[in-house]
Amino acid sequence: MGALVIVMCVGAVCAVAGALAYTGLWRSWIRRNASTQIFGLGWLGLSVLSLGVAMTQFDGPFLTLAGVLMIVFVVSGIVGFCLSLGMLRWATPRWYRDRTRR
């Protein structure tokens, strides 16, 4: 169970970093690296976090919740992977698209 908690904590940290970048509260990273990798990191963090929570629900009474979280795991993993590779520019926030057009 300890490794699962560590996985969920790492996923939560990555998801929070991505959320801060999406909302524009954390923009200092763009001066050094203007790629979309930080947005992909946020989505991958959400993916890992949902996987960890789903793994805790497979033995419990909320098996449907585990199934929904596994779908979230797959979809957010695909989006995060594509954003990390620089694809899906439409999935980036408006402030980022405006800034990179300049």
C-alpha atoms as a PDB file:
ATOM      1  CA  MET A   1       0.000   0.000   0.000  1.00  0.00           C
ATOM      2  CA  GLY A   2       2.964   2.332   0.595  1.00  0.00           C
ATOM      3  CA  ALA A   3       4.013   2.339  -3.067  1.00  0.00           C
ATOM      4  CA  LEU A   4       0.457   3.173  -4.086  1.00  0.00           C
ATOM      5  CA  VAL A   5       0.434   6.197  -1.793  1.00  0.00           C
ATOM      6  CA  ILE A   6       3.734   7.393  -3.269  1.00  0.00           C
ATOM      7  CA  VAL A   7       2.331   7.000  -6.805  1.00  0.00           C
ATOM      8  CA  MET A   8      -0.768   9.008  -5.871  1.00  0.00           C
ATOM      9  CA  CYS A   9       1.353  11.751  -4.265  1.00  0.00           C
ATOM     10  CA  VAL A  10       3.575  12.046  -7.349  1.00  0.00           C
ATOM     11  CA  GLY A  11       0.482  12.173  -9.550  1.00  0.00           C
ATOM     12  CA  ALA A  12      -1.077  14.857  -7.358  1.00  0.00           C
ATOM     13  CA  VAL A  13       2.062  17.026  -7.456  1.00  0.00           C
ATOM     14  CA  CYS A  14       2.255  16.772 -11.260  1.00  0.00           C
ATOM     15  CA  ALA A  15      -1.470  17.467 -11.619  1.00  0.00           C
ATOM     16  CA  VAL A  16      -1.217  20.552  -9.400  1.00  0.00           C
ATOM     17  CA  ALA A  17       1.774  21.855 -11.381  1.00  0.00           C
ATOM     18  CA  GLY A  18      -0.155  21.374 -14.617  1.00  0.00           C
ATOM     19  CA  ALA A  19      -3.255  23.038 -13.184  1.00  0.00           C
ATOM     20  CA  LEU A  20      -1.203  26.039 -12.086  1.00  0.00           C
ATOM     21  CA  ALA A  21       0.275  26.274 -15.573  1.00  0.00           C
ATOM     22  CA  TYR A  22      -3.149  25.930 -17.246  1.00  0.00           C
ATOM     23  CA  THR A  23      -4.710  28.668 -15.145  1.00  0.00           C
ATOM     24  CA  GLY A  24      -1.767  30.974 -15.777  1.00  0.00           C
ATOM     25  CA  LEU A  25      -0.821  31.328 -12.118  1.00  0.00           C
ATOM     26  CA  TRP A  26       2.594  29.816 -12.888  1.00  0.00           C
ATOM     27  CA  ARG A  27       4.020  31.395 -16.042  1.00  0.00           C
ATOM     28  CA  SER A  28       7.694  31.725 -15.168  1.00  0.00           C
ATOM     29  CA  TRP A  29       8.505  28.371 -16.795  1.00  0.00           C
ATOM     30  CA  ILE A  30       7.676  29.744 -20.251  1.00  0.00           C
ATOM     31  CA  ARG A  31      10.746  32.009 -20.246  1.00  0.00           C
ATOM     32  CA  ARG A  32      13.066  28.999 -20.245  1.00  0.00           C
ATOM     33  CA  ASN A  33      11.021  26.460 -22.188  1.00  0.00           C
ATOM     34  CA  ALA A  34       8.105  27.409 -24.426  1.00  0.00           C
ATOM     35  CA  SER A  35       7.029  23.827 -25.148  1.00  0.00           C
ATOM     36  CA  THR A  36       3.757  22.243 -24.102  1.00  0.00           C
ATOM     37  CA  GLN A  37       5.438  19.634 -21.921  1.00  0.00           C
ATOM     38  CA  ILE A  38       4.289  21.191 -18.648  1.00  0.00           C
ATOM     39  CA  PHE A  39       0.654  20.878 -19.773  1.00  0.00           C
ATOM     40  CA  GLY A  40       1.287  17.259 -20.685  1.00  0.00           C
ATOM     41  CA  LEU A  41       2.831  16.718 -17.263  1.00  0.00           C
ATOM     42  CA  GLY A  42      -0.390  17.939 -15.673  1.00  0.00           C
ATOM     43  CA  TRP A  43      -2.503  15.529 -17.693  1.00  0.00           C
ATOM     44  CA  LEU A  44      -0.117  12.653 -17.010  1.00  0.00           C
ATOM     45  CA  GLY A  45      -0.254  13.521 -13.309  1.00  0.00           C
ATOM     46  CA  LEU A  46      -4.039  13.311 -13.429  1.00  0.00           C
ATOM     47  CA  SER A  47      -3.694   9.979 -15.182  1.00  0.00           C
ATOM     48  CA  VAL A  48      -1.373   8.546 -12.533  1.00  0.00           C
ATOM     49  CA  LEU A  49      -3.529   9.930  -9.722  1.00  0.00           C
ATOM     50  CA  SER A  50      -6.690   8.383 -11.139  1.00  0.00           C
ATOM     51  CA  LEU A  51      -4.876   5.062 -11.576  1.00  0.00           C
ATOM     52  CA  GLY A  52      -3.798   5.109  -7.936  1.00  0.00           C
ATOM     53  CA  VAL A  53      -7.276   5.901  -6.664  1.00  0.00           C
ATOM     54  CA  ALA A  54      -8.803   3.259  -8.951  1.00  0.00           C
ATOM     55  CA  MET A  55      -6.422   0.643  -7.581  1.00  0.00           C
ATOM     56  CA  THR A  56      -7.698   1.309  -4.074  1.00  0.00           C
ATOM     57  CA  GLN A  57     -11.301   0.769  -5.190  1.00  0.00           C
ATOM     58  CA  PHE A  58     -11.007  -2.623  -6.919  1.00  0.00           C
ATOM     59  CA  ASP A  59     -11.305  -4.529  -3.638  1.00  0.00           C
ATOM     60  CA  GLY A  60     -14.014  -2.286  -2.233  1.00  0.00           C
ATOM     61  CA  PRO A  61     -17.707  -1.803  -2.868  1.00  0.00           C
ATOM     62  CA  PHE A  62     -17.164   0.979  -5.431  1.00  0.00           C
ATOM     63  CA  LEU A  63     -16.193  -1.132  -8.423  1.00  0.00           C
ATOM     64  CA  THR A  64     -18.038   1.222 -10.808  1.00  0.00           C
ATOM     65  CA  LEU A  65     -15.925   4.136  -9.553  1.00  0.00           C
ATOM     66  CA  ALA A  66     -12.817   2.112 -10.314  1.00  0.00           C
ATOM     67  CA  GLY A  67     -14.040   1.540 -13.873  1.00  0.00           C
ATOM     68  CA  VAL A  68     -14.739   5.235 -14.409  1.00  0.00           C
ATOM     69  CA  LEU A  69     -11.329   6.147 -13.007  1.00  0.00           C
ATOM     70  CA  MET A  70      -9.669   3.671 -15.363  1.00  0.00           C
ATOM     71  CA  ILE A  71     -11.357   5.434 -18.287  1.00  0.00           C
ATOM     72  CA  VAL A  72     -10.060   8.760 -16.925  1.00  0.00           C
ATOM     73  CA  PHE A  73      -6.622   7.133 -16.656  1.00  0.00           C
ATOM     74  CA  VAL A  74      -6.599   6.129 -20.325  1.00  0.00           C
ATOM     75  CA  VAL A  75      -8.035   9.359 -21.764  1.00  0.00           C
ATOM     76  CA  SER A  76      -5.892  11.709 -19.680  1.00  0.00           C
ATOM     77  CA  GLY A  77      -2.839   9.575 -20.396  1.00  0.00           C
ATOM     78  CA  ILE A  78      -3.381   9.890 -24.143  1.00  0.00           C
ATOM     79  CA  VAL A  79      -3.950  13.654 -23.915  1.00  0.00           C
ATOM     80  CA  GLY A  80      -0.897  14.076 -21.669  1.00  0.00           C
ATOM     81  CA  PHE A  81       1.304  12.030 -23.975  1.00  0.00           C
ATOM     82  CA  CYS A  82       0.218  13.997 -27.042  1.00  0.00           C
ATOM     83  CA  LEU A  83       0.720  17.336 -25.279  1.00  0.00           C
ATOM     84  CA  SER A  84       4.171  16.255 -24.132  1.00  0.00           C
ATOM     85  CA  LEU A  85       5.117  15.595 -27.739  1.00  0.00           C
ATOM     86  CA  GLY A  86       3.897  19.035 -28.826  1.00  0.00           C
ATOM     87  CA  MET A  87       0.725  17.890 -30.531  1.00  0.00           C
ATOM     88  CA  LEU A  88      -2.807  19.044 -29.622  1.00  0.00           C
ATOM     89  CA  ARG A  89      -2.057  22.764 -29.647  1.00  0.00           C
ATOM     90  CA  TRP A  90      -5.808  23.357 -29.334  1.00  0.00           C
ATOM     91  CA  ALA A  91      -5.699  21.782 -25.860  1.00  0.00           C
ATOM     92  CA  THR A  92      -3.394  24.490 -24.526  1.00  0.00           C
ATOM     93  CA  PRO A  93      -4.882  27.501 -22.721  1.00  0.00           C
ATOM     94  CA  ARG A  94      -5.619  30.706 -24.590  1.00  0.00           C
ATOM     95  CA  TRP A  95      -2.977  32.745 -22.748  1.00  0.00           C
ATOM     96  CA  TYR A  96      -0.301  30.287 -23.921  1.00  0.00           C
ATOM     97  CA  ARG A  97      -1.437  30.343 -27.552  1.00  0.00           C
ATOM     98  CA  ASP A  98      -1.520  34.147 -27.527  1.00  0.00           C
ATOM     99  CA  ARG A  99       1.945  34.346 -26.011  1.00  0.00           C
ATOM    100  CA  THR A 100       3.542  31.916 -28.456  1.00  0.00           C
ATOM    101  CA  ARG A 101       2.035  33.724 -31.486  1.00  0.00           C
ATOM    102  CA  ARG A 102       4.018  36.882 -30.687  1.00  0.00           C
END
